[in-house]
Amino acid sequence: MISPEETESITTLNNKSGILKKINQEIVVYSEETHLQIANEKIKTLYLELKDLILGIDNNIKVNPKKRYLAYTHQKKILLLKVQSKHYQQMTRKKKSQ
């Protein structure tokens, strides 16, 4: 027999002491705009130019914003960019030697 605890749904959790409300307040969704908010205009312009160049290489390259950086992926992460107020850092994946 299934106990009531095993069949609880999100709507049931919603009514319990604000647990779900607290979790929802802690969830943060990151975007390119989030990262560019701290950058000055020069860095924003450079970033957008670099983004156009990177995405122009292959249609399958995607931007995947993370908490501390922007990841450009094509099956794997190929480039990581950390945007800061007056500069940006980039890290690239290096091929393993055979």
N, C-alpha and C. Protein backbone atom coordinates (compact mmCIF):
# COMPACT_ATOMS: atom_id res chain seq x y z
N MET A 1 0.84 -1.18 0.00
CA MET A 1 0.00 0.00 0.00
C MET A 1 0.89 1.24 0.00
N ILE A 2 0.48 2.27 -0.72
CA ILE A 2 1.23 3.52 -0.83
C ILE A 2 0.80 4.46 0.29
N SER A 3 1.79 4.96 1.01
CA SER A 3 1.46 5.89 2.10
C SER A 3 1.18 7.27 1.53
N PRO A 4 0.46 8.14 2.27
CA PRO A 4 0.13 9.49 1.78
C PRO A 4 1.38 10.32 1.47
N GLU A 5 2.49 10.07 2.21
CA GLU A 5 3.72 10.84 1.97
C GLU A 5 4.28 10.55 0.59
N GLU A 6 4.12 9.34 0.08
CA GLU A 6 4.68 8.95 -1.21
C GLU A 6 3.86 9.48 -2.38
N THR A 7 2.64 9.90 -2.15
CA THR A 7 1.79 10.34 -3.24
C THR A 7 1.57 11.85 -3.24
N GLU A 8 2.28 12.58 -2.39
CA GLU A 8 2.07 14.02 -2.33
C GLU A 8 2.47 14.67 -3.66
N SER A 9 1.72 15.67 -4.02
CA SER A 9 2.02 16.41 -5.24
C SER A 9 2.52 17.79 -4.88
N ILE A 10 2.92 18.54 -5.87
CA ILE A 10 3.40 19.90 -5.63
C ILE A 10 2.30 20.76 -5.05
N THR A 11 1.07 20.56 -5.47
CA THR A 11 -0.02 21.36 -4.91
C THR A 11 -0.19 21.09 -3.42
N THR A 12 0.04 19.85 -2.98
CA THR A 12 -0.03 19.55 -1.56
C THR A 12 1.13 20.22 -0.83
N LEU A 13 2.31 20.15 -1.40
CA LEU A 13 3.48 20.80 -0.79
C LEU A 13 3.29 22.31 -0.70
N ASN A 14 2.58 22.87 -1.65
CA ASN A 14 2.36 24.31 -1.69
C ASN A 14 1.65 24.79 -0.43
N ASN A 15 0.84 23.96 0.17
CA ASN A 15 0.07 24.35 1.34
C ASN A 15 0.82 24.12 2.65
N LYS A 16 2.00 23.52 2.62
CA LYS A 16 2.74 23.19 3.83
C LYS A 16 3.76 24.26 4.17
N SER A 17 3.52 25.01 5.16
CA SER A 17 4.44 25.96 5.80
C SER A 17 5.37 26.73 4.85
N GLY A 18 4.97 26.99 3.65
CA GLY A 18 5.75 27.83 2.74
C GLY A 18 7.04 27.21 2.22
N ILE A 19 7.20 25.89 2.31
CA ILE A 19 8.42 25.24 1.84
C ILE A 19 8.63 25.51 0.36
N LEU A 20 7.60 25.28 -0.44
CA LEU A 20 7.71 25.47 -1.89
C LEU A 20 7.96 26.94 -2.22
N LYS A 21 7.31 27.84 -1.50
CA LYS A 21 7.51 29.27 -1.73
C LYS A 21 8.96 29.66 -1.49
N LYS A 22 9.55 29.12 -0.44
CA LYS A 22 10.95 29.42 -0.12
C LYS A 22 11.88 28.88 -1.20
N ILE A 23 11.60 27.67 -1.68
CA ILE A 23 12.41 27.08 -2.75
C ILE A 23 12.31 27.91 -4.01
N ASN A 24 11.11 28.34 -4.37
CA ASN A 24 10.92 29.16 -5.57
C ASN A 24 11.64 30.49 -5.48
N GLN A 25 11.75 31.05 -4.28
CA GLN A 25 12.46 32.31 -4.11
C GLN A 25 13.96 32.13 -4.30
N GLU A 26 14.48 30.94 -4.04
CA GLU A 26 15.90 30.68 -4.14
C GLU A 26 16.34 30.28 -5.54
N ILE A 27 15.42 29.91 -6.39
CA ILE A 27 15.76 29.50 -7.76
C ILE A 27 16.12 30.74 -8.57
N VAL A 28 17.30 30.70 -9.20
CA VAL A 28 17.77 31.83 -10.00
C VAL A 28 18.01 31.31 -11.42
N VAL A 29 17.50 32.03 -12.40
CA VAL A 29 17.73 31.68 -13.79
C VAL A 29 18.73 32.70 -14.35
N TYR A 30 19.82 32.21 -14.91
CA TYR A 30 20.87 33.08 -15.43
C TYR A 30 20.70 33.26 -16.93
N SER A 31 21.06 34.44 -17.43
CA SER A 31 20.96 34.74 -18.85
C SER A 31 22.16 35.58 -19.27
N GLU A 32 22.30 35.78 -20.55
CA GLU A 32 23.36 36.67 -21.03
C GLU A 32 23.18 38.07 -20.45
N GLU A 33 21.93 38.51 -20.39
CA GLU A 33 21.65 39.85 -19.87
C GLU A 33 22.10 39.98 -18.42
N THR A 34 21.92 38.93 -17.64
CA THR A 34 22.37 38.93 -16.25
C THR A 34 23.87 39.21 -16.18
N HIS A 35 24.64 38.56 -17.04
CA HIS A 35 26.09 38.73 -17.05
C HIS A 35 26.50 40.09 -17.59
N LEU A 36 25.76 40.61 -18.55
CA LEU A 36 26.13 41.88 -19.18
C LEU A 36 25.71 43.10 -18.36
N GLN A 37 24.90 42.93 -17.34
CA GLN A 37 24.46 44.06 -16.52
C GLN A 37 25.62 44.79 -15.87
N ILE A 38 26.68 44.07 -15.51
CA ILE A 38 27.80 44.70 -14.81
C ILE A 38 28.83 45.29 -15.76
N ALA A 39 28.76 44.94 -17.03
CA ALA A 39 29.78 45.36 -18.00
C ALA A 39 29.53 46.79 -18.48
N ASN A 40 30.65 47.48 -18.78
CA ASN A 40 30.51 48.81 -19.38
C ASN A 40 30.18 48.65 -20.86
N GLU A 41 29.88 49.74 -21.54
CA GLU A 41 29.44 49.68 -22.94
C GLU A 41 30.50 49.09 -23.87
N LYS A 42 31.76 49.39 -23.62
CA LYS A 42 32.84 48.86 -24.46
C LYS A 42 32.87 47.33 -24.38
N ILE A 43 32.77 46.80 -23.18
CA ILE A 43 32.80 45.35 -22.99
C ILE A 43 31.55 44.71 -23.60
N LYS A 44 30.40 45.34 -23.45
CA LYS A 44 29.17 44.80 -24.06
C LYS A 44 29.32 44.72 -25.57
N THR A 45 29.86 45.78 -26.18
CA THR A 45 30.05 45.80 -27.63
C THR A 45 31.03 44.72 -28.06
N LEU A 46 32.16 44.60 -27.34
CA LEU A 46 33.14 43.55 -27.67
C LEU A 46 32.54 42.16 -27.52
N TYR A 47 31.78 41.97 -26.46
CA TYR A 47 31.16 40.67 -26.24
C TYR A 47 30.20 40.32 -27.38
N LEU A 48 29.36 41.27 -27.78
CA LEU A 48 28.38 40.99 -28.84
C LEU A 48 29.08 40.71 -30.18
N GLU A 49 30.19 41.40 -30.45
CA GLU A 49 30.96 41.11 -31.67
C GLU A 49 31.57 39.71 -31.60
N LEU A 50 32.14 39.36 -30.44
CA LEU A 50 32.73 38.03 -30.26
C LEU A 50 31.66 36.95 -30.37
N LYS A 51 30.50 37.20 -29.79
CA LYS A 51 29.40 36.24 -29.86
C LYS A 51 28.99 35.99 -31.31
N ASP A 52 28.88 37.06 -32.09
CA ASP A 52 28.52 36.91 -33.51
C ASP A 52 29.56 36.07 -34.25
N LEU A 53 30.84 36.30 -33.96
CA LEU A 53 31.90 35.51 -34.60
C LEU A 53 31.82 34.04 -34.21
N ILE A 54 31.64 33.78 -32.94
CA ILE A 54 31.58 32.40 -32.45
C ILE A 54 30.38 31.67 -33.04
N LEU A 55 29.20 32.29 -32.98
CA LEU A 55 28.00 31.63 -33.49
C LEU A 55 28.03 31.49 -35.01
N GLY A 56 28.81 32.32 -35.68
CA GLY A 56 28.94 32.24 -37.13
C GLY A 56 29.79 31.06 -37.59
N ILE A 57 30.56 30.48 -36.68
CA ILE A 57 31.41 29.33 -37.03
C ILE A 57 30.57 28.11 -37.35
N ASP A 58 29.54 27.87 -36.55
CA ASP A 58 28.71 26.67 -36.72
C ASP A 58 27.32 26.95 -36.15
N ASN A 59 26.29 26.54 -36.85
CA ASN A 59 24.91 26.76 -36.40
C ASN A 59 24.55 25.96 -35.15
N ASN A 60 25.35 24.95 -34.82
CA ASN A 60 25.05 24.10 -33.67
C ASN A 60 25.67 24.60 -32.36
N ILE A 61 26.43 25.68 -32.41
CA ILE A 61 27.01 26.25 -31.19
C ILE A 61 25.91 27.00 -30.45
N LYS A 62 25.81 26.73 -29.16
CA LYS A 62 24.78 27.34 -28.32
C LYS A 62 25.41 28.06 -27.14
N VAL A 63 24.74 29.11 -26.67
CA VAL A 63 25.16 29.84 -25.47
C VAL A 63 24.40 29.25 -24.29
N ASN A 64 25.13 28.88 -23.26
CA ASN A 64 24.53 28.27 -22.08
C ASN A 64 24.97 29.06 -20.84
N PRO A 65 24.19 30.04 -20.40
CA PRO A 65 24.58 30.86 -19.24
C PRO A 65 24.61 30.04 -17.95
N LYS A 66 25.67 30.21 -17.20
CA LYS A 66 25.84 29.58 -15.89
C LYS A 66 25.94 30.69 -14.85
N LYS A 67 26.11 30.31 -13.59
CA LYS A 67 26.15 31.30 -12.52
C LYS A 67 27.33 32.25 -12.68
N ARG A 68 28.50 31.74 -12.97
CA ARG A 68 29.71 32.56 -12.99
C ARG A 68 30.29 32.85 -14.38
N TYR A 69 29.73 32.22 -15.41
CA TYR A 69 30.28 32.41 -16.75
C TYR A 69 29.24 32.06 -17.81
N LEU A 70 29.57 32.39 -19.06
CA LEU A 70 28.76 32.01 -20.22
C LEU A 70 29.51 30.89 -20.93
N ALA A 71 28.86 29.77 -21.12
CA ALA A 71 29.48 28.63 -21.79
C ALA A 71 28.98 28.56 -23.22
N TYR A 72 29.89 28.41 -24.14
CA TYR A 72 29.55 28.15 -25.53
C TYR A 72 29.79 26.67 -25.76
N THR A 73 28.74 25.98 -26.19
CA THR A 73 28.84 24.53 -26.31
C THR A 73 28.54 24.05 -27.73
N HIS A 74 29.22 22.98 -28.07
CA HIS A 74 28.97 22.23 -29.31
C HIS A 74 29.30 20.80 -28.95
N GLN A 75 28.33 20.08 -28.43
CA GLN A 75 28.45 18.75 -27.85
C GLN A 75 29.19 18.80 -26.51
N LYS A 76 30.23 19.60 -26.39
CA LYS A 76 30.95 19.83 -25.14
C LYS A 76 31.14 21.34 -24.98
N LYS A 77 31.54 21.75 -23.82
CA LYS A 77 31.88 23.16 -23.64
C LYS A 77 33.14 23.43 -24.44
N ILE A 78 33.08 24.46 -25.31
CA ILE A 78 34.25 24.79 -26.12
C ILE A 78 34.87 26.12 -25.72
N LEU A 79 34.07 26.98 -25.08
CA LEU A 79 34.58 28.28 -24.67
C LEU A 79 33.79 28.75 -23.46
N LEU A 80 34.51 29.28 -22.48
CA LEU A 80 33.88 29.86 -21.30
C LEU A 80 34.26 31.33 -21.24
N LEU A 81 33.28 32.19 -21.07
CA LEU A 81 33.52 33.63 -20.96
C LEU A 81 33.00 34.14 -19.63
N LYS A 82 33.83 34.87 -18.93
CA LYS A 82 33.41 35.51 -17.69
C LYS A 82 33.44 37.01 -17.92
N VAL A 83 32.27 37.62 -17.96
CA VAL A 83 32.15 39.06 -18.23
C VAL A 83 32.28 39.81 -16.91
N GLN A 84 33.15 40.82 -16.91
CA GLN A 84 33.32 41.67 -15.73
C GLN A 84 33.11 43.11 -16.15
N SER A 85 33.19 44.03 -15.21
CA SER A 85 32.81 45.41 -15.52
C SER A 85 33.71 46.06 -16.55
N LYS A 86 35.02 45.83 -16.50
CA LYS A 86 35.92 46.50 -17.43
C LYS A 86 36.69 45.56 -18.34
N HIS A 87 36.46 44.27 -18.22
CA HIS A 87 37.10 43.30 -19.11
C HIS A 87 36.34 41.98 -19.06
N TYR A 88 36.77 41.04 -19.90
CA TYR A 88 36.20 39.70 -19.83
C TYR A 88 37.34 38.70 -19.92
N GLN A 89 37.13 37.54 -19.34
CA GLN A 89 38.11 36.47 -19.37
C GLN A 89 37.55 35.37 -20.26
N GLN A 90 38.43 34.73 -21.00
CA GLN A 90 37.98 33.61 -21.81
C GLN A 90 38.88 32.41 -21.57
N MET A 91 38.27 31.24 -21.55
CA MET A 91 38.99 30.00 -21.40
C MET A 91 38.51 29.07 -22.49
N THR A 92 39.42 28.40 -23.15
CA THR A 92 39.06 27.50 -24.23
C THR A 92 39.45 26.08 -23.87
N ARG A 93 38.77 25.14 -24.48
CA ARG A 93 39.09 23.71 -24.28
C ARG A 93 40.29 23.38 -25.14
N LYS A 94 41.25 22.70 -24.55
CA LYS A 94 42.45 22.29 -25.25
C LYS A 94 42.33 20.82 -25.62
N LYS A 95 42.74 20.47 -26.85
CA LYS A 95 42.71 19.07 -27.26
C LYS A 95 43.73 18.28 -26.45
N LYS A 96 43.33 17.06 -26.04
CA LYS A 96 44.27 16.19 -25.34
C LYS A 96 45.27 15.66 -26.35
N SER A 97 46.55 15.61 -25.95
CA SER A 97 47.56 15.08 -26.86
C SER A 97 47.43 13.56 -26.93
N GLN A 98 47.73 13.04 -28.09
CA GLN A 98 47.53 11.60 -28.31
C GLN A 98 48.77 10.80 -28.04
